[in-house]
Amino acid sequence: MRPLTTATAPAAIALLEQDPIDNALAGSRLVDITGTRMLSREFSGLFHRGDLTALLWHGISLSVMGEVSQGDLELLAERARRARREYASVVGPSRDVARLWPLVRSSLGRPREFRWTQLMMLADQRPSVAPSDELRFARPEEADLVFPAAVAMFKEEVGTDPTAWDGGRSYRDRVEQLIAERRTAVVRRGDDIVFKADVGAIFGPVAQIHGVWTAPAERGKGLGSAAMARAVQLFQLQHSTPQVTLYVNDFNSAARRAYTQAGFRQVGEFASLLF
């Protein structure tokens, strides 16, 4: 077990590319920080006879990737405990989180929320609704309008206020970055953003959608499903990512129905433990 370096990063990326859908979040982060000092701080690899067999992401989130034995998993868990980080979440395929959590919970404390069943969905079906012609990429000059919608989404979805730490400066920077990179799509009516969706992670052929939000007054009217059907098309073309995915809580029946209408189907199951 040792920290990743620029020399071992290509092998790590290749390992994650074996399952780009499940590994999109960690893979996107790995690609972003390869070549920086953050690489060794956030990723460690398990090597057997010189070959990389498993990865541990111990950055903002904690996640295990690769097929690992129980003994190997205990080594990864020990590395996670020694990192002494305050993780925002433990995340990954449900089977991996269920195996990892008992080994690290004594050092991480109790999560404020357990989301053990989240449907991983892939947009590879024909939508049953017409894609919205209102949806388009957000423009940089619209950041002041997008930001309140993004904050509202975060409060609803994550359960915390992203403006509480530094007055929202870091979160505002992220919103502006996504807009500049054409990773935020919106429906604007007048001066109101009534729908938004972001590409939160890009890894290989996969664009993973995060931050989906519909204004409360527009919910239940079909806007979400139509906008998501169009979002898939926009993101595929803009980012050359034929596979567009997302994951959604099992208890969010309205969102699950909208995503199914937009052409998504379940291809896996995730879990997130939120701190």
Protein backbone atom coordinates (compact mmCIF):
# COMPACT_ATOMS: atom_id res chain seq x y z
CA MET A 1 0.00 0.00 0.00
CA ARG A 2 1.47 3.34 -1.01
CA PRO A 3 0.36 6.78 -2.21
CA LEU A 4 -0.15 7.22 -5.93
CA THR A 5 2.41 9.19 -7.90
CA THR A 6 2.48 10.62 -11.39
CA ALA A 7 4.27 7.44 -12.46
CA THR A 8 1.54 5.14 -11.13
CA ALA A 9 -1.43 7.33 -12.07
CA PRO A 10 -1.83 5.84 -15.59
CA ALA A 11 -2.23 2.36 -14.09
CA ALA A 12 -4.79 3.73 -11.65
CA ILE A 13 -6.76 5.38 -14.42
CA ALA A 14 -6.67 2.15 -16.43
CA LEU A 15 -7.97 0.23 -13.42
CA LEU A 16 -10.90 2.62 -12.99
CA GLU A 17 -11.66 2.59 -16.71
CA GLN A 18 -12.60 -1.08 -16.35
CA ASP A 19 -15.88 0.17 -14.86
CA PRO A 20 -16.25 3.85 -15.78
CA ILE A 21 -19.86 4.07 -14.66
CA ASP A 22 -19.25 3.02 -11.05
CA ASN A 23 -15.90 4.82 -10.94
CA ALA A 24 -16.88 8.09 -12.63
CA LEU A 25 -16.74 10.25 -9.51
CA ALA A 26 -13.36 9.04 -8.25
CA GLY A 27 -11.99 8.73 -11.77
CA SER A 28 -12.87 12.31 -12.60
CA ARG A 29 -11.08 13.52 -9.49
CA LEU A 30 -8.06 11.31 -10.19
CA VAL A 31 -7.68 12.74 -13.70
CA ASP A 32 -8.10 16.30 -12.44
CA ILE A 33 -5.33 16.10 -9.83
CA THR A 34 -2.81 13.88 -11.61
CA GLY A 35 0.43 15.84 -11.83
CA THR A 36 -0.29 17.81 -8.65
CA ARG A 37 0.67 17.31 -5.02
CA MET A 38 -2.95 16.48 -4.23
CA LEU A 39 -2.62 13.11 -5.99
CA SER A 40 -0.62 11.43 -3.24
CA ARG A 41 -2.74 13.08 -0.55
CA GLU A 42 -6.03 11.78 -1.92
CA PHE A 43 -5.27 8.42 -3.56
CA SER A 44 -3.43 5.33 -2.39
CA GLY A 45 -2.89 2.12 -4.29
CA LEU A 46 -2.60 -1.51 -3.27
CA PHE A 47 0.12 -3.29 -5.24
CA HIS A 48 0.76 -7.02 -5.56
CA ARG A 49 4.07 -7.99 -7.15
CA GLY A 50 4.29 -4.57 -8.72
CA ASP A 51 0.77 -4.59 -10.18
CA LEU A 52 -1.88 -2.16 -9.00
CA THR A 53 -4.94 -4.15 -7.87
CA ALA A 54 -7.05 -1.72 -5.84
CA LEU A 55 -7.41 1.97 -5.04
CA LEU A 56 -8.48 4.00 -2.05
CA TRP A 57 -9.80 7.53 -2.53
CA HIS A 58 -9.37 9.37 0.75
CA GLY A 59 -10.14 12.94 -0.29
CA ILE A 60 -13.42 14.78 0.19
CA SER A 61 -15.03 11.34 0.00
CA LEU A 62 -13.89 7.89 1.02
CA SER A 63 -14.23 5.13 -1.55
CA VAL A 64 -12.69 1.75 -2.39
CA MET A 65 -12.24 0.63 -6.00
CA GLY A 66 -11.17 -2.72 -7.39
CA GLU A 67 -11.83 -6.34 -6.53
CA VAL A 68 -10.30 -6.86 -3.09
CA SER A 69 -10.11 -9.71 -0.63
CA GLN A 70 -11.11 -9.17 2.97
CA GLY A 71 -7.45 -8.94 3.93
CA ASP A 72 -6.78 -6.32 1.28
CA LEU A 73 -9.86 -4.39 2.35
CA GLU A 74 -8.55 -4.26 5.90
CA LEU A 75 -5.29 -2.75 4.60
CA LEU A 76 -7.25 -0.10 2.69
CA ALA A 77 -9.37 0.62 5.74
CA GLU A 78 -6.27 1.07 7.89
CA ARG A 79 -4.96 3.61 5.38
CA ALA A 80 -8.29 5.45 5.53
CA ARG A 81 -8.13 5.58 9.32
CA ARG A 82 -4.54 6.82 9.30
CA ALA A 83 -5.41 9.62 6.86
CA ARG A 84 -7.32 11.28 9.72
CA ARG A 85 -9.54 13.24 7.36
CA GLU A 86 -13.02 14.58 7.90
CA TYR A 87 -14.79 12.96 4.99
CA ALA A 88 -17.98 14.45 3.61
CA SER A 89 -19.16 10.99 2.65
CA VAL A 90 -18.38 7.33 2.25
CA VAL A 91 -19.61 6.55 -1.24
CA GLY A 92 -19.54 3.85 -3.88
CA PRO A 93 -21.37 0.73 -5.01
CA SER A 94 -23.52 -0.51 -2.13
CA ARG A 95 -21.62 -3.78 -1.84
CA ASP A 96 -18.30 -1.95 -1.38
CA VAL A 97 -19.64 0.58 1.13
CA ALA A 98 -21.28 -2.22 3.13
CA ARG A 99 -17.93 -4.05 3.37
CA LEU A 100 -15.84 -0.96 4.13
CA TRP A 101 -18.06 0.77 6.67
CA PRO A 102 -17.67 -1.71 9.56
CA LEU A 103 -13.90 -1.36 9.29
CA VAL A 104 -13.79 2.45 9.52
CA ARG A 105 -16.86 3.53 11.47
CA SER A 106 -15.10 3.58 14.85
CA SER A 107 -12.73 6.28 13.62
CA LEU A 108 -15.16 8.28 11.47
CA GLY A 109 -18.05 8.73 13.86
CA ARG A 110 -21.73 8.38 13.10
CA PRO A 111 -22.97 9.73 9.74
CA ARG A 112 -25.80 12.22 9.93
CA GLU A 113 -27.58 10.28 7.20
CA PHE A 114 -27.40 6.76 5.78
CA ARG A 115 -28.46 6.38 2.15
CA TRP A 116 -27.94 2.69 1.60
CA THR A 117 -29.97 2.34 -1.60
CA GLN A 118 -29.35 4.74 -4.46
CA LEU A 119 -30.17 3.66 -7.99
CA MET A 120 -27.35 4.08 -10.50
CA MET A 121 -29.08 4.92 -13.78
CA LEU A 122 -27.89 5.10 -17.38
CA ALA A 123 -29.63 7.01 -20.17
CA ASP A 124 -29.69 4.42 -22.95
CA GLN A 125 -33.45 4.12 -23.55
CA ARG A 126 -35.77 6.06 -25.82
CA PRO A 127 -37.47 8.82 -23.77
CA SER A 128 -41.22 8.57 -23.40
CA VAL A 129 -41.46 12.37 -23.37
CA ALA A 130 -40.44 15.01 -25.90
CA PRO A 131 -37.12 16.67 -24.94
CA SER A 132 -37.60 20.25 -23.76
CA ASP A 133 -36.73 22.97 -26.26
CA GLU A 134 -36.30 25.40 -23.35
CA LEU A 135 -33.22 23.73 -21.91
CA ARG A 136 -29.85 25.23 -22.84
CA PHE A 137 -26.41 25.75 -21.36
CA ALA A 138 -26.19 28.44 -18.70
CA ARG A 139 -24.23 31.55 -19.64
CA PRO A 140 -21.51 33.13 -17.48
CA GLU A 141 -23.55 36.31 -17.01
CA GLU A 142 -26.33 34.19 -15.49
CA ALA A 143 -24.29 33.06 -12.49
CA ASP A 144 -26.27 35.36 -10.17
CA LEU A 145 -29.46 33.56 -11.22
CA VAL A 146 -28.03 30.04 -11.17
CA PHE A 147 -26.36 30.36 -7.77
CA PRO A 148 -29.59 30.58 -5.69
CA ALA A 149 -30.99 27.56 -7.54
CA ALA A 150 -27.78 25.64 -6.85
CA VAL A 151 -27.93 26.54 -3.15
CA ALA A 152 -31.57 25.45 -2.95
CA MET A 153 -30.68 22.14 -4.62
CA PHE A 154 -27.78 21.54 -2.22
CA LYS A 155 -29.89 22.21 0.85
CA GLU A 156 -32.60 19.83 -0.34
CA GLU A 157 -30.34 17.06 -1.61
CA VAL A 158 -27.40 17.11 0.80
CA GLY A 159 -29.13 18.57 3.83
CA THR A 160 -26.58 21.26 4.64
CA ASP A 161 -26.07 24.89 3.62
CA PRO A 162 -23.12 25.33 1.19
CA THR A 163 -22.89 29.01 2.12
CA ALA A 164 -22.31 28.31 5.82
CA TRP A 165 -18.52 27.76 5.69
CA ASP A 166 -17.07 30.74 3.84
CA GLY A 167 -20.10 32.76 2.96
CA GLY A 168 -20.57 30.61 -0.12
CA ARG A 169 -17.41 31.74 -1.92
CA SER A 170 -16.13 28.24 -2.63
CA TYR A 171 -19.52 27.03 -3.76
CA ARG A 172 -19.99 30.11 -5.93
CA ASP A 173 -16.61 29.40 -7.55
CA ARG A 174 -17.75 25.86 -8.33
CA VAL A 175 -21.01 27.09 -9.84
CA GLU A 176 -19.13 29.54 -12.04
CA GLN A 177 -16.61 26.87 -13.07
CA LEU A 178 -19.36 24.49 -14.18
CA ILE A 179 -21.04 27.23 -16.17
CA ALA A 180 -17.77 28.23 -17.85
CA GLU A 181 -17.11 24.60 -18.82
CA ARG A 182 -20.64 24.21 -20.26
CA ARG A 183 -21.49 21.66 -17.64
CA THR A 184 -24.63 23.38 -16.34
CA ALA A 185 -27.88 23.33 -18.29
CA VAL A 186 -30.89 25.41 -17.28
CA VAL A 187 -34.43 26.36 -18.10
CA ARG A 188 -34.87 30.08 -17.55
CA ARG A 189 -38.20 31.85 -17.51
CA GLY A 190 -37.89 35.57 -17.09
CA ASP A 191 -35.41 36.14 -14.31
CA ASP A 192 -36.03 32.76 -12.72
CA ILE A 193 -34.10 29.52 -13.15
CA VAL A 194 -36.82 26.88 -12.93
CA PHE A 195 -34.66 23.87 -13.75
CA LYS A 196 -30.95 23.06 -13.59
CA ALA A 197 -28.70 20.05 -14.00
CA ASP A 198 -24.90 19.80 -13.87
CA VAL A 199 -22.31 17.39 -15.15
CA GLY A 200 -20.58 16.80 -11.85
CA ALA A 201 -18.06 14.25 -13.13
CA ILE A 202 -16.58 13.32 -16.50
CA PHE A 203 -14.53 10.16 -16.81
CA GLY A 204 -13.77 8.45 -20.10
CA PRO A 205 -17.07 7.85 -21.92
CA VAL A 206 -19.18 8.82 -18.89
CA ALA A 207 -20.77 12.10 -17.90
CA GLN A 208 -22.37 11.80 -14.46
CA ILE A 209 -25.17 14.26 -13.77
CA HIS A 210 -25.39 15.90 -10.36
CA GLY A 211 -27.34 18.82 -8.96
CA VAL A 212 -30.71 18.25 -10.61
CA TRP A 213 -33.28 20.73 -9.34
CA THR A 214 -36.74 21.86 -10.37
CA ALA A 215 -38.34 24.94 -8.84
CA PRO A 216 -41.04 23.84 -6.37
CA ALA A 217 -43.80 25.67 -8.26
CA GLU A 218 -42.95 23.72 -11.43
CA ARG A 219 -42.82 20.25 -9.95
CA GLY A 220 -45.32 17.65 -11.08
CA LYS A 221 -45.86 19.34 -14.44
CA GLY A 222 -43.49 17.29 -16.59
CA LEU A 223 -40.71 19.87 -16.77
CA GLY A 224 -38.13 17.66 -15.06
CA SER A 225 -38.49 14.67 -17.36
CA ALA A 226 -38.55 16.77 -20.54
CA ALA A 227 -35.56 18.83 -19.43
CA MET A 228 -33.57 15.74 -18.47
CA ALA A 229 -34.27 14.14 -21.85
CA ARG A 230 -32.77 17.21 -23.49
CA ALA A 231 -29.91 17.42 -20.97
CA VAL A 232 -28.74 13.96 -22.00
CA GLN A 233 -28.51 15.10 -25.62
CA LEU A 234 -26.67 18.32 -24.76
CA PHE A 235 -24.14 16.69 -22.48
CA GLN A 236 -23.43 13.83 -24.87
CA LEU A 237 -22.67 16.22 -27.71
CA GLN A 238 -20.77 18.83 -25.72
CA HIS A 239 -18.51 16.46 -23.81
CA SER A 240 -18.27 13.51 -26.20
CA THR A 241 -19.64 11.22 -23.52
CA PRO A 242 -22.00 8.60 -24.95
CA GLN A 243 -22.86 7.30 -21.48
CA VAL A 244 -24.80 9.75 -19.31
CA THR A 245 -25.50 8.54 -15.78
CA LEU A 246 -26.79 9.67 -12.41
CA TYR A 247 -27.74 8.13 -9.10
CA VAL A 248 -30.94 8.79 -7.19
CA ASN A 249 -32.27 7.88 -3.77
CA ASP A 250 -34.65 4.94 -3.79
CA PHE A 251 -37.21 6.90 -1.76
CA ASN A 252 -37.41 9.73 -4.32
CA SER A 253 -40.17 8.21 -6.38
CA ALA A 254 -40.94 11.41 -8.30
CA ALA A 255 -37.35 11.78 -9.48
CA ARG A 256 -37.09 8.10 -10.37
CA ARG A 257 -40.23 8.37 -12.47
CA ALA A 258 -38.96 11.50 -14.24
CA TYR A 259 -35.60 9.90 -15.03
CA THR A 260 -37.27 6.79 -16.40
CA GLN A 261 -39.44 8.95 -18.64
CA ALA A 262 -36.27 10.74 -19.79
CA GLY A 263 -34.74 7.45 -20.94
CA PHE A 264 -32.78 6.29 -17.90
CA ARG A 265 -32.77 2.74 -16.52
CA GLN A 266 -31.18 1.22 -13.44
CA VAL A 267 -27.80 -0.42 -14.02
CA GLY A 268 -26.46 -0.62 -10.47
CA GLU A 269 -26.87 0.38 -6.85
CA PHE A 270 -24.88 2.95 -4.87
CA ALA A 271 -24.73 3.94 -1.22
CA SER A 272 -23.74 7.23 0.40
CA LEU A 273 -23.08 7.81 4.08
CA LEU A 274 -23.19 11.56 4.68
CA PHE A 275 -21.28 13.31 7.47
